[in-house]
Amino acid sequence: MANSTLQDNTAFASNQWGEDSQIWQNLKTAIASSSGFQRWELERNLNLIEPTTNLDQLVSLYLRETLETLAY
């Protein structure tokens, strides 16, 4: 019985991670296609300076700067 519960919890956690990962992928794509993100990227010439920077890093930086601005 305990083994079954452990397997159920492991399956749930694995499924939850997969769902979270898919949500982040969709959110990241939506943010990257927004006019605000595209303007932010152009203003900083990030697409020209760091062409190897991945989308995760760019979106994270954009969100951090945006939240810092809002908090100020």
PDB file of N, CA and C in Angstrom:
ATOM      1  N   MET A   1       0.817  -1.189   0.000  1.00  0.00           N
ATOM      2  CA  MET A   1       0.000   0.000   0.000  1.00  0.00           C
ATOM      3  C   MET A   1       0.868   1.263   0.000  1.00  0.00           C
ATOM      4  N   ALA A   2       1.899   1.301   0.851  1.00  0.00           N
ATOM      5  CA  ALA A   2       2.782   2.469   0.915  1.00  0.00           C
ATOM      6  C   ALA A   2       3.525   2.654  -0.396  1.00  0.00           C
ATOM      7  N   ASN A   3       3.917   1.551  -1.012  1.00  0.00           N
ATOM      8  CA  ASN A   3       4.625   1.619  -2.291  1.00  0.00           C
ATOM      9  C   ASN A   3       3.729   2.224  -3.365  1.00  0.00           C
ATOM     10  N   SER A   4       2.447   1.878  -3.354  1.00  0.00           N
ATOM     11  CA  SER A   4       1.500   2.420  -4.317  1.00  0.00           C
ATOM     12  C   SER A   4       1.355   3.925  -4.134  1.00  0.00           C
ATOM     13  N   THR A   5       1.300   4.376  -2.898  1.00  0.00           N
ATOM     14  CA  THR A   5       1.194   5.808  -2.614  1.00  0.00           C
ATOM     15  C   THR A   5       2.434   6.548  -3.093  1.00  0.00           C
ATOM     16  N   LEU A   6       3.603   5.965  -2.869  1.00  0.00           N
ATOM     17  CA  LEU A   6       4.851   6.572  -3.323  1.00  0.00           C
ATOM     18  C   LEU A   6       4.863   6.683  -4.840  1.00  0.00           C
ATOM     19  N   GLN A   7       4.431   5.640  -5.525  1.00  0.00           N
ATOM     20  CA  GLN A   7       4.376   5.671  -6.980  1.00  0.00           C
ATOM     21  C   GLN A   7       3.386   6.718  -7.466  1.00  0.00           C
ATOM     22  N   ASP A   8       2.232   6.827  -6.790  1.00  0.00           N
ATOM     23  CA  ASP A   8       1.237   7.836  -7.159  1.00  0.00           C
ATOM     24  C   ASP A   8       1.796   9.244  -6.985  1.00  0.00           C
ATOM     25  N   ASN A   9       2.479   9.483  -5.870  1.00  0.00           N
ATOM     26  CA  ASN A   9       3.063  10.802  -5.604  1.00  0.00           C
ATOM     27  C   ASN A   9       4.155  11.134  -6.609  1.00  0.00           C
ATOM     28  N   THR A  10       4.964  10.140  -6.957  1.00  0.00           N
ATOM     29  CA  THR A  10       6.028  10.344  -7.940  1.00  0.00           C
ATOM     30  C   THR A  10       5.435  10.663  -9.305  1.00  0.00           C
ATOM     31  N   ALA A  11       4.398   9.950  -9.690  1.00  0.00           N
ATOM     32  CA  ALA A  11       3.740  10.193 -10.970  1.00  0.00           C
ATOM     33  C   ALA A  11       3.120  11.591 -10.994  1.00  0.00           C
ATOM     34  N   PHE A  12       2.496  11.990  -9.870  1.00  0.00           N
ATOM     35  CA  PHE A  12       1.896  13.316  -9.787  1.00  0.00           C
ATOM     36  C   PHE A  12       2.957  14.402  -9.921  1.00  0.00           C
ATOM     37  N   ALA A  13       4.057  14.263  -9.200  1.00  0.00           N
ATOM     38  CA  ALA A  13       5.132  15.255  -9.249  1.00  0.00           C
ATOM     39  C   ALA A  13       5.717  15.343 -10.651  1.00  0.00           C
ATOM     40  N   SER A  14       5.903  14.213 -11.296  1.00  0.00           N
ATOM     41  CA  SER A  14       6.442  14.190 -12.654  1.00  0.00           C
ATOM     42  C   SER A  14       5.482  14.880 -13.613  1.00  0.00           C
ATOM     43  N   ASN A  15       4.198  14.576 -13.484  1.00  0.00           N
ATOM     44  CA  ASN A  15       3.196  15.187 -14.345  1.00  0.00           C
ATOM     45  C   ASN A  15       3.109  16.687 -14.083  1.00  0.00           C
ATOM     46  N   GLN A  16       3.177  17.091 -12.813  1.00  0.00           N
ATOM     47  CA  GLN A  16       3.119  18.501 -12.457  1.00  0.00           C
ATOM     48  C   GLN A  16       4.299  19.256 -13.066  1.00  0.00           C
ATOM     49  N   TRP A  17       5.491  18.671 -12.999  1.00  0.00           N
ATOM     50  CA  TRP A  17       6.671  19.315 -13.584  1.00  0.00           C
ATOM     51  C   TRP A  17       6.489  19.485 -15.086  1.00  0.00           C
ATOM     52  N   GLY A  18       5.957  18.471 -15.725  1.00  0.00           N
ATOM     53  CA  GLY A  18       5.715  18.551 -17.162  1.00  0.00           C
ATOM     54  C   GLY A  18       4.724  19.647 -17.506  1.00  0.00           C
ATOM     55  N   GLU A  19       3.677  19.774 -16.700  1.00  0.00           N
ATOM     56  CA  GLU A  19       2.686  20.827 -16.922  1.00  0.00           C
ATOM     57  C   GLU A  19       3.303  22.202 -16.681  1.00  0.00           C
ATOM     58  N   ASP A  20       4.081  22.341 -15.612  1.00  0.00           N
ATOM     59  CA  ASP A  20       4.742  23.613 -15.320  1.00  0.00           C
ATOM     60  C   ASP A  20       5.691  24.003 -16.449  1.00  0.00           C
ATOM     61  N   SER A  21       6.416  23.028 -16.958  1.00  0.00           N
ATOM     62  CA  SER A  21       7.352  23.279 -18.045  1.00  0.00           C
ATOM     63  C   SER A  21       6.603  23.752 -19.291  1.00  0.00           C
ATOM     64  N   GLN A  22       5.481  23.129 -19.584  1.00  0.00           N
ATOM     65  CA  GLN A  22       4.682  23.522 -20.750  1.00  0.00           C
ATOM     66  C   GLN A  22       4.098  24.919 -20.560  1.00  0.00           C
ATOM     67  N   ILE A  23       3.658  25.228 -19.345  1.00  0.00           N
ATOM     68  CA  ILE A  23       3.134  26.567 -19.062  1.00  0.00           C
ATOM     69  C   ILE A  23       4.221  27.604 -19.283  1.00  0.00           C
ATOM     70  N   TRP A  24       5.445  27.335 -18.777  1.00  0.00           N
ATOM     71  CA  TRP A  24       6.551  28.282 -18.956  1.00  0.00           C
ATOM     72  C   TRP A  24       6.866  28.460 -20.433  1.00  0.00           C
ATOM     73  N   GLN A  25       6.877  27.380 -21.199  1.00  0.00           N
ATOM     74  CA  GLN A  25       7.162  27.485 -22.633  1.00  0.00           C
ATOM     75  C   GLN A  25       6.138  28.380 -23.320  1.00  0.00           C
ATOM     76  N   ASN A  26       4.857  28.181 -23.009  1.00  0.00           N
ATOM     77  CA  ASN A  26       3.798  28.990 -23.616  1.00  0.00           C
ATOM     78  C   ASN A  26       3.890  30.446 -23.180  1.00  0.00           C
ATOM     79  N   LEU A  27       4.148  30.666 -21.894  1.00  0.00           N
ATOM     80  CA  LEU A  27       4.266  32.020 -21.370  1.00  0.00           C
ATOM     81  C   LEU A  27       5.464  32.737 -21.981  1.00  0.00           C
ATOM     82  N   LYS A  28       6.576  32.048 -22.058  1.00  0.00           N
ATOM     83  CA  LYS A  28       7.796  32.612 -22.627  1.00  0.00           C
ATOM     84  C   LYS A  28       7.572  33.010 -24.089  1.00  0.00           C
ATOM     85  N   THR A  29       6.912  32.181 -24.837  1.00  0.00           N
ATOM     86  CA  THR A  29       6.629  32.474 -26.241  1.00  0.00           C
ATOM     87  C   THR A  29       5.709  33.685 -26.367  1.00  0.00           C
ATOM     88  N   ALA A  30       4.697  33.755 -25.518  1.00  0.00           N
ATOM     89  CA  ALA A  30       3.769  34.888 -25.548  1.00  0.00           C
ATOM     90  C   ALA A  30       4.483  36.187 -25.188  1.00  0.00           C
ATOM     91  N   ILE A  31       5.329  36.154 -24.170  1.00  0.00           N
ATOM     92  CA  ILE A  31       6.072  37.351 -23.758  1.00  0.00           C
ATOM     93  C   ILE A  31       7.010  37.790 -24.874  1.00  0.00           C
ATOM     94  N   ALA A  32       7.734  36.851 -25.461  1.00  0.00           N
ATOM     95  CA  ALA A  32       8.706  37.178 -26.511  1.00  0.00           C
ATOM     96  C   ALA A  32       8.038  37.759 -27.751  1.00  0.00           C
ATOM     97  N   SER A  33       6.791  37.427 -27.986  1.00  0.00           N
ATOM     98  CA  SER A  33       6.105  37.952 -29.169  1.00  0.00           C
ATOM     99  C   SER A  33       5.371  39.261 -28.870  1.00  0.00           C
ATOM    100  N   SER A  34       5.391  39.702 -27.616  1.00  0.00           N
ATOM    101  CA  SER A  34       4.700  40.943 -27.262  1.00  0.00           C
ATOM    102  C   SER A  34       5.481  42.155 -27.768  1.00  0.00           C
ATOM    103  N   SER A  35       4.753  43.218 -28.041  1.00  0.00           N
ATOM    104  CA  SER A  35       5.405  44.438 -28.526  1.00  0.00           C
ATOM    105  C   SER A  35       6.316  45.039 -27.455  1.00  0.00           C
ATOM    106  N   GLY A  36       5.938  44.917 -26.196  1.00  0.00           N
ATOM    107  CA  GLY A  36       6.770  45.444 -25.116  1.00  0.00           C
ATOM    108  C   GLY A  36       8.123  44.763 -25.055  1.00  0.00           C
ATOM    109  N   PHE A  37       8.127  43.441 -25.166  1.00  0.00           N
ATOM    110  CA  PHE A  37       9.388  42.698 -25.145  1.00  0.00           C
ATOM    111  C   PHE A  37      10.232  43.043 -26.363  1.00  0.00           C
ATOM    112  N   GLN A  38       9.603  43.083 -27.523  1.00  0.00           N
ATOM    113  CA  GLN A  38      10.348  43.373 -28.750  1.00  0.00           C
ATOM    114  C   GLN A  38      10.952  44.771 -28.714  1.00  0.00           C
ATOM    115  N   ARG A  39      10.211  45.746 -28.188  1.00  0.00           N
ATOM    116  CA  ARG A  39      10.741  47.105 -28.051  1.00  0.00           C
ATOM    117  C   ARG A  39      11.901  47.125 -27.053  1.00  0.00           C
ATOM    118  N   TRP A  40      11.723  46.437 -25.919  1.00  0.00           N
ATOM    119  CA  TRP A  40      12.766  46.349 -24.894  1.00  0.00           C
ATOM    120  C   TRP A  40      14.042  45.751 -25.489  1.00  0.00           C
ATOM    121  N   GLU A  41      13.889  44.691 -26.267  1.00  0.00           N
ATOM    122  CA  GLU A  41      15.041  44.024 -26.881  1.00  0.00           C
ATOM    123  C   GLU A  41      15.744  44.946 -27.881  1.00  0.00           C
ATOM    124  N   LEU A  42      14.987  45.649 -28.690  1.00  0.00           N
ATOM    125  CA  LEU A  42      15.576  46.567 -29.674  1.00  0.00           C
ATOM    126  C   LEU A  42      16.279  47.735 -28.998  1.00  0.00           C
ATOM    127  N   GLU A  43      15.665  48.285 -27.945  1.00  0.00           N
ATOM    128  CA  GLU A  43      16.270  49.415 -27.236  1.00  0.00           C
ATOM    129  C   GLU A  43      17.634  49.055 -26.656  1.00  0.00           C
ATOM    130  N   ARG A  44      17.789  47.820 -26.294  1.00  0.00           N
ATOM    131  CA  ARG A  44      19.045  47.374 -25.692  1.00  0.00           C
ATOM    132  C   ARG A  44      19.965  46.686 -26.689  1.00  0.00           C
ATOM    133  N   ASN A  45      19.534  46.570 -27.930  1.00  0.00           N
ATOM    134  CA  ASN A  45      20.300  45.889 -28.973  1.00  0.00           C
ATOM    135  C   ASN A  45      20.730  44.491 -28.542  1.00  0.00           C
ATOM    136  N   LEU A  46      19.899  43.846 -27.748  1.00  0.00           N
ATOM    137  CA  LEU A  46      20.257  42.519 -27.249  1.00  0.00           C
ATOM    138  C   LEU A  46      20.284  41.472 -28.352  1.00  0.00           C
ATOM    139  N   ASN A  47      19.460  41.643 -29.341  1.00  0.00           N
ATOM    140  CA  ASN A  47      19.460  40.669 -30.430  1.00  0.00           C
ATOM    141  C   ASN A  47      20.697  40.808 -31.309  1.00  0.00           C
ATOM    142  N   LEU A  48      21.391  41.947 -31.211  1.00  0.00           N
ATOM    143  CA  LEU A  48      22.606  42.150 -32.001  1.00  0.00           C
ATOM    144  C   LEU A  48      23.866  41.855 -31.186  1.00  0.00           C
ATOM    145  N   ILE A  49      23.844  42.190 -29.904  1.00  0.00           N
ATOM    146  CA  ILE A  49      25.031  42.046 -29.064  1.00  0.00           C
ATOM    147  C   ILE A  49      25.254  40.596 -28.640  1.00  0.00           C
ATOM    148  N   GLU A  50      24.219  39.947 -28.188  1.00  0.00           N
ATOM    149  CA  GLU A  50      24.324  38.591 -27.652  1.00  0.00           C
ATOM    150  C   GLU A  50      23.432  37.625 -28.431  1.00  0.00           C
ATOM    151  N   PRO A  51      23.779  37.307 -29.652  1.00  0.00           N
ATOM    152  CA  PRO A  51      22.910  36.422 -30.435  1.00  0.00           C
ATOM    153  C   PRO A  51      22.818  35.009 -29.857  1.00  0.00           C
ATOM    154  N   THR A  52      23.739  34.645 -28.980  1.00  0.00           N
ATOM    155  CA  THR A  52      23.704  33.301 -28.411  1.00  0.00           C
ATOM    156  C   THR A  52      22.886  33.234 -27.124  1.00  0.00           C
ATOM    157  N   THR A  53      22.446  34.385 -26.617  1.00  0.00           N
ATOM    158  CA  THR A  53      21.634  34.397 -25.405  1.00  0.00           C
ATOM    159  C   THR A  53      20.319  33.691 -25.707  1.00  0.00           C
ATOM    160  N   ASN A  54      19.966  32.758 -24.835  1.00  0.00           N
ATOM    161  CA  ASN A  54      18.745  32.015 -25.124  1.00  0.00           C
ATOM    162  C   ASN A  54      17.510  32.767 -24.654  1.00  0.00           C
ATOM    163  N   LEU A  55      16.378  32.353 -25.140  1.00  0.00           N
ATOM    164  CA  LEU A  55      15.125  33.025 -24.868  1.00  0.00           C
ATOM    165  C   LEU A  55      14.778  33.006 -23.383  1.00  0.00           C
ATOM    166  N   ASP A  56      15.108  31.923 -22.687  1.00  0.00           N
ATOM    167  CA  ASP A  56      14.864  31.862 -21.245  1.00  0.00           C
ATOM    168  C   ASP A  56      15.555  33.020 -20.537  1.00  0.00           C
ATOM    169  N   GLN A  57      16.815  33.251 -20.877  1.00  0.00           N
ATOM    170  CA  GLN A  57      17.584  34.313 -20.237  1.00  0.00           C
ATOM    171  C   GLN A  57      17.016  35.692 -20.570  1.00  0.00           C
ATOM    172  N   LEU A  58      16.665  35.901 -21.832  1.00  0.00           N
ATOM    173  CA  LEU A  58      16.128  37.197 -22.240  1.00  0.00           C
ATOM    174  C   LEU A  58      14.799  37.493 -21.561  1.00  0.00           C
ATOM    175  N   VAL A  59      13.900  36.519 -21.547  1.00  0.00           N
ATOM    176  CA  VAL A  59      12.591  36.731 -20.925  1.00  0.00           C
ATOM    177  C   VAL A  59      12.754  36.945 -19.425  1.00  0.00           C
ATOM    178  N   SER A  60      13.632  36.198 -18.795  1.00  0.00           N
ATOM    179  CA  SER A  60      13.874  36.378 -17.361  1.00  0.00           C
ATOM    180  C   SER A  60      14.404  37.775 -17.063  1.00  0.00           C
ATOM    181  N   LEU A  61      15.349  38.247 -17.881  1.00  0.00           N
ATOM    182  CA  LEU A  61      15.904  39.590 -17.698  1.00  0.00           C
ATOM    183  C   LEU A  61      14.824  40.646 -17.921  1.00  0.00           C
ATOM    184  N   TYR A  62      14.033  40.473 -18.957  1.00  0.00           N
ATOM    185  CA  TYR A  62      12.936  41.403 -19.253  1.00  0.00           C
ATOM    186  C   TYR A  62      11.958  41.468 -18.081  1.00  0.00           C
ATOM    187  N   LEU A  63      11.558  40.318 -17.565  1.00  0.00           N
ATOM    188  CA  LEU A  63      10.621  40.296 -16.445  1.00  0.00           C
ATOM    189  C   LEU A  63      11.225  40.938 -15.201  1.00  0.00           C
ATOM    190  N   ARG A  64      12.491  40.655 -14.935  1.00  0.00           N
ATOM    191  CA  ARG A  64      13.156  41.238 -13.772  1.00  0.00           C
ATOM    192  C   ARG A  64      13.201  42.761 -13.880  1.00  0.00           C
ATOM    193  N   GLU A  65      13.618  43.270 -15.040  1.00  0.00           N
ATOM    194  CA  GLU A  65      13.692  44.720 -15.216  1.00  0.00           C
ATOM    195  C   GLU A  65      12.314  45.369 -15.162  1.00  0.00           C
ATOM    196  N   THR A  66      11.343  44.704 -15.734  1.00  0.00           N
ATOM    197  CA  THR A  66       9.979  45.244 -15.713  1.00  0.00           C
ATOM    198  C   THR A  66       9.443  45.305 -14.296  1.00  0.00           C
ATOM    199  N   LEU A  67       9.658  44.256 -13.529  1.00  0.00           N
ATOM    200  CA  LEU A  67       9.192  44.246 -12.147  1.00  0.00           C
ATOM    201  C   LEU A  67       9.943  45.257 -11.282  1.00  0.00           C
ATOM    202  N   GLU A  68      11.226  45.420 -11.526  1.00  0.00           N
ATOM    203  CA  GLU A  68      11.992  46.426 -10.789  1.00  0.00           C
ATOM    204  C   GLU A  68      11.466  47.830 -11.079  1.00  0.00           C
ATOM    205  N   THR A  69      11.120  48.083 -12.328  1.00  0.00           N
ATOM    206  CA  THR A  69      10.572  49.378 -12.713  1.00  0.00           C
ATOM    207  C   THR A  69       9.226  49.606 -12.041  1.00  0.00           C
ATOM    208  N   LEU A  70       8.395  48.586 -12.028  1.00  0.00           N
ATOM    209  CA  LEU A  70       7.087  48.710 -11.391  1.00  0.00           C
ATOM    210  C   LEU A  70       7.203  48.897  -9.878  1.00  0.00           C
ATOM    211  N   ALA A  71       8.191  48.264  -9.287  1.00  0.00           N
ATOM    212  CA  ALA A  71       8.375  48.362  -7.835  1.00  0.00           C
ATOM    213  C   ALA A  71       8.948  49.713  -7.437  1.00  0.00           C
ATOM    214  N   TYR A  72       9.628  50.364  -8.353  1.00  0.00           N
ATOM    215  CA  TYR A  72      10.259  51.648  -8.072  1.00  0.00           C
ATOM    216  C   TYR A  72       9.189  52.693  -7.963  1.00  0.00           C
TER     217      TYR A  72
END
